[in-house]
């Protein structure tokens, strides 16, 4: 006999397996399906295991053949389906952080069109844009200390853990109905506070400290734009306060300039008298109006313009000065009435209403072209259009603007 080689035995084993598979129904009935594949041990003629016994990929693996046309390539599912994490992955307890809410500073900016509310929120850029649109402010350097002071008053800080940051609070002026997104910041600056500062500026004016008084009036004027009032009466009072500051700044700056002018020639003396006469037409308090008229009476009497000096004397007596001042003015008036003439012609017409140019200090008579400062409403000659106002020192002369806004009532 001829012995079979190893390869011939392996091939015969494979053929025998295929034949056994086709006649599986004829096997011993005791071998049920619960025995599994491990019960069929295949041993070749050499006493080894066949290749099929070592091949674990009997069913062909996980790949599908071309005959399995499942048809899920063109299946379209809605994109908003959420089936959650896959079961058994261990991600069932994952944490989704909450969405960050809107800060109170942003709420303040959204709810208000007043510049001070944006300053309190720390949004200086939007505050400056509002001041530019409403009152024509183009120079913001003088506003820097006011902005910083207002911003510092817009927060409260409570101490927390040692070494840790403080807990910040955002006080509301409408705290009763503010809610989460309806708040408006509490404003520390009040109209009554500015009125008290006005009294201090009056005292400086009475004492003849014109430079310091001008600085006081200027600070009050700028602070008015950072007010918030609640009634129409307070709106009117704020606008009236702004007008008072304008009149005093124009008059006092003109008086300071007048005192610095030389007096050597007749033309220079005439110019000094003209500016003194203009000062009497600034809308000042009676106690200060008396002082301006006394100065004008003395200067015009020395210039021998007796007619105009007599007019100033009569205006002064109508204001009820002190007895000693009244006695002196009556004597001057008697002297002027003896010769009611003017020795020199000046650029001054007391019977024709006028305003004073804030830069040239010349009269702008009614009906003549003039430009206005959108913030303080100071008047200027047309050639000063586009320049920085010399009264408020922040706004552009002649710029179109909405107007001063200090209350939500002005936006309704």
Foldseek 3Di string as FASTA:
>chain_A
DDDDDPVVQLVVLVVVVVVCVVPVVPDDPVDDCVVDPVVDFGATPVRHGHPVVVDPCPVPPDDDDPVDCVPCPPDDDDPPDDPDDDPPPPCPPPDDDDDDDDDVLVLQVVQDLALLQNLLSVNNVSSVVSCCFAFFFDACPVCVVVSVVFNVVQWDWADDDVPDGTDIDGDFPPVVPCPDRRGTGDTPDEPVVLVVLLVVLVVCVLVVVLVVSLVSLLVSLVVLSNAADADPVVVVVSLVSLQQSLLSNLLSVLVVVLVPFDDPDPVNLLVSLVSLVQSLPRPHDLVNNLVSLVVNLVSQVVQVQLQVSLVSLVVNVVSPDDPVVVVVSVVSNVVSVVPNHHPDDHLDDPVFDFAAASPPRHTDTPPHDWWARSRSRHIHRPVQAQPQRPRNRGRGIRDDHNHRDRYPVVVD
